[in-house]
Amino acid sequence: MTEEVYAPIADESGRIGVLGHGYTGGAHPVGAAVALENLKIIEERDLVANAAARGAELQAGLRSFVDHPLVGEARGVGLIAALEIVAPEGRAEEFAPGKLGAGLNAHFLKNGLISRNMMDAMAFCPPMIIEAPQIKQILSAVEKSLDGFAAELAG
């Protein structure tokens, strides 16, 4: 952003004490109605309880990978989780930050799992409607991907 664009925004934000911005749909009655309907669906389908149950399955499954040579840590709460990926023993200097995450993400995609690496941490955040068989699919793809990536790195 150029100084010409930045300066008036910064000046006005300083004057009013907050970054003044808005969203096109912010405070719009249609958006509010959609939000209320969304909350109704969450309650009707008991999605909070489903997320808690499926989250426990996801967390347990991801933690089962902590003994894998490429996993440094499994962390998270409920349906929000991450696997920290580490270099094979004695090879850390070979990998720039993010390279391992990108490599494992490629294996995820090949095995039908869409995730996002945040540098060398693999992010998981499935929807609240996820069911137990889908959690098993995720964990199966993670296992297959970890093993495939480890073989590639050893290769």
Protein backbone atom coordinates (compact mmCIF):
# COMPACT_ATOMS: atom_id res chain seq x y z
CA MET A 1 0.00 0.00 0.00
CA THR A 2 1.38 3.38 -0.92
CA GLU A 3 1.81 6.16 1.63
CA GLU A 4 -0.83 8.13 -0.29
CA VAL A 5 -3.42 5.41 0.44
CA TYR A 6 -2.14 4.47 3.90
CA ALA A 7 -1.87 7.94 5.47
CA PRO A 8 -5.55 8.95 5.44
CA ILE A 9 -6.60 5.52 6.74
CA ALA A 10 -4.06 5.65 9.55
CA ASP A 11 -4.96 9.27 10.40
CA GLU A 12 -8.70 8.59 10.59
CA SER A 13 -8.16 5.35 12.52
CA GLY A 14 -6.04 7.25 15.01
CA ARG A 15 -8.69 9.96 15.30
CA ILE A 16 -11.58 7.56 16.01
CA GLY A 17 -9.49 4.97 17.90
CA VAL A 18 -10.25 2.00 15.67
CA LEU A 19 -9.64 0.86 12.12
CA GLY A 20 -12.88 1.99 10.52
CA HIS A 21 -14.00 -0.57 8.02
CA GLY A 22 -17.12 -2.47 7.16
CA TYR A 23 -18.23 -5.44 5.17
CA THR A 24 -20.77 -5.19 2.39
CA GLY A 25 -23.13 -7.59 4.16
CA GLY A 26 -22.38 -6.38 7.69
CA ALA A 27 -25.55 -5.77 9.74
CA HIS A 28 -27.69 -6.61 6.71
CA PRO A 29 -31.07 -8.18 7.62
CA VAL A 30 -30.62 -11.00 5.11
CA GLY A 31 -27.22 -11.89 6.57
CA ALA A 32 -28.70 -11.80 10.07
CA ALA A 33 -31.55 -14.09 8.99
CA VAL A 34 -29.08 -16.55 7.48
CA ALA A 35 -27.02 -16.50 10.68
CA LEU A 36 -30.11 -17.21 12.78
CA GLU A 37 -31.12 -20.09 10.51
CA ASN A 38 -27.60 -21.47 10.76
CA LEU A 39 -27.83 -21.45 14.56
CA LYS A 40 -31.23 -23.17 14.35
CA ILE A 41 -29.77 -25.94 12.16
CA ILE A 42 -26.82 -26.40 14.54
CA GLU A 43 -29.26 -26.85 17.43
CA GLU A 44 -31.75 -29.07 15.52
CA ARG A 45 -29.03 -31.44 14.32
CA ASP A 46 -27.18 -31.38 17.66
CA LEU A 47 -24.01 -30.51 15.79
CA VAL A 48 -22.17 -29.32 18.89
CA ALA A 49 -22.48 -32.81 20.43
CA ASN A 50 -21.51 -34.37 17.10
CA ALA A 51 -18.45 -32.13 16.88
CA ALA A 52 -17.44 -33.11 20.41
CA ALA A 53 -17.75 -36.84 19.68
CA ARG A 54 -16.06 -36.67 16.28
CA GLY A 55 -13.42 -34.33 17.66
CA ALA A 56 -12.50 -36.88 20.33
CA GLU A 57 -12.11 -39.50 17.58
CA LEU A 58 -10.00 -37.16 15.46
CA GLN A 59 -7.76 -36.16 18.38
CA ALA A 60 -7.22 -39.78 19.46
CA GLY A 61 -6.47 -40.84 15.91
CA LEU A 62 -4.00 -38.04 15.27
CA ARG A 63 -2.28 -38.66 18.60
CA SER A 64 -1.78 -42.28 17.54
CA PHE A 65 0.72 -40.96 14.97
CA VAL A 66 3.11 -39.40 17.52
CA ASP A 67 5.38 -42.43 17.27
CA HIS A 68 5.74 -41.97 13.51
CA PRO A 69 9.27 -40.73 12.68
CA LEU A 70 7.89 -37.68 10.82
CA VAL A 71 5.51 -36.53 13.57
CA GLY A 72 6.85 -34.29 16.30
CA GLU A 73 3.54 -33.45 17.94
CA ALA A 74 -0.21 -33.89 17.62
CA ARG A 75 -2.22 -31.06 19.13
CA GLY A 76 -5.67 -29.58 19.12
CA VAL A 77 -9.08 -29.41 20.70
CA GLY A 78 -12.20 -30.99 19.26
CA LEU A 79 -12.32 -30.75 15.49
CA ILE A 80 -9.44 -28.28 15.29
CA ALA A 81 -6.11 -30.05 15.19
CA ALA A 82 -2.60 -30.08 13.82
CA LEU A 83 0.25 -32.51 13.27
CA GLU A 84 3.71 -30.99 13.55
CA ILE A 85 5.98 -32.58 10.95
CA VAL A 86 9.69 -33.05 11.69
CA ALA A 87 12.65 -34.08 9.59
CA PRO A 88 13.96 -37.61 9.67
CA GLU A 89 16.55 -38.18 12.42
CA GLY A 90 19.73 -36.17 11.80
CA ARG A 91 18.44 -34.44 8.65
CA ALA A 92 16.81 -31.27 9.96
CA GLU A 93 19.34 -28.99 8.22
CA GLU A 94 18.24 -30.33 4.82
CA PHE A 95 14.77 -28.84 5.05
CA ALA A 96 13.87 -25.17 4.91
CA PRO A 97 10.87 -24.20 7.05
CA GLY A 98 7.67 -25.30 5.34
CA LYS A 99 9.31 -27.78 2.99
CA LEU A 100 8.22 -30.84 4.98
CA GLY A 101 4.68 -29.55 5.35
CA ALA A 102 4.43 -28.87 1.62
CA GLY A 103 5.79 -32.33 0.84
CA LEU A 104 3.33 -34.07 3.13
CA ASN A 105 0.50 -31.91 1.81
CA ALA A 106 1.26 -33.21 -1.70
CA HIS A 107 0.88 -36.76 -0.37
CA PHE A 108 -2.37 -35.79 1.35
CA LEU A 109 -3.78 -34.55 -1.95
CA LYS A 110 -2.62 -37.68 -3.76
CA ASN A 111 -4.46 -39.73 -1.13
CA GLY A 112 -7.68 -37.70 -1.35
CA LEU A 113 -7.23 -35.55 1.74
CA ILE A 114 -7.52 -31.78 1.54
CA SER A 115 -5.61 -30.05 4.31
CA ARG A 116 -3.44 -27.01 4.65
CA ASN A 117 0.07 -26.89 5.88
CA MET A 118 1.00 -23.98 8.07
CA MET A 119 4.71 -24.21 7.49
CA ASP A 120 5.45 -27.71 8.85
CA ALA A 121 2.19 -28.19 10.73
CA MET A 122 -0.68 -29.92 9.00
CA ALA A 123 -4.01 -28.27 9.84
CA PHE A 124 -7.27 -30.14 10.33
CA CYS A 125 -10.63 -28.45 10.73
CA PRO A 126 -13.41 -30.63 9.32
CA PRO A 127 -17.03 -29.42 9.43
CA MET A 128 -19.30 -30.01 12.40
CA ILE A 129 -21.42 -32.40 10.29
CA ILE A 130 -18.59 -34.90 9.83
CA GLU A 131 -19.42 -38.52 10.66
CA ALA A 132 -17.29 -41.31 12.16
CA PRO A 133 -16.60 -43.06 8.80
CA GLN A 134 -15.22 -39.78 7.43
CA ILE A 135 -12.93 -39.40 10.46
CA LYS A 136 -11.63 -42.90 9.68
CA GLN A 137 -11.05 -41.87 6.06
CA ILE A 138 -9.05 -38.83 7.19
CA LEU A 139 -6.92 -40.90 9.54
CA SER A 140 -6.35 -43.58 6.91
CA ALA A 141 -5.22 -40.96 4.39
CA VAL A 142 -2.91 -39.39 7.00
CA GLU A 143 -1.31 -42.75 7.75
CA LYS A 144 -0.87 -43.61 4.07
CA SER A 145 0.55 -40.14 3.39
CA LEU A 146 2.99 -40.20 6.31
CA ASP A 147 4.28 -43.61 5.26
CA GLY A 148 4.52 -42.61 1.61
CA PHE A 149 6.33 -39.38 2.41
CA ALA A 150 8.73 -41.17 4.78
CA ALA A 151 9.52 -43.68 2.02
CA GLU A 152 10.08 -40.83 -0.44
CA LEU A 153 12.46 -39.08 1.95
CA ALA A 154 14.35 -42.33 2.59
CA GLY A 155 14.46 -43.12 -1.08
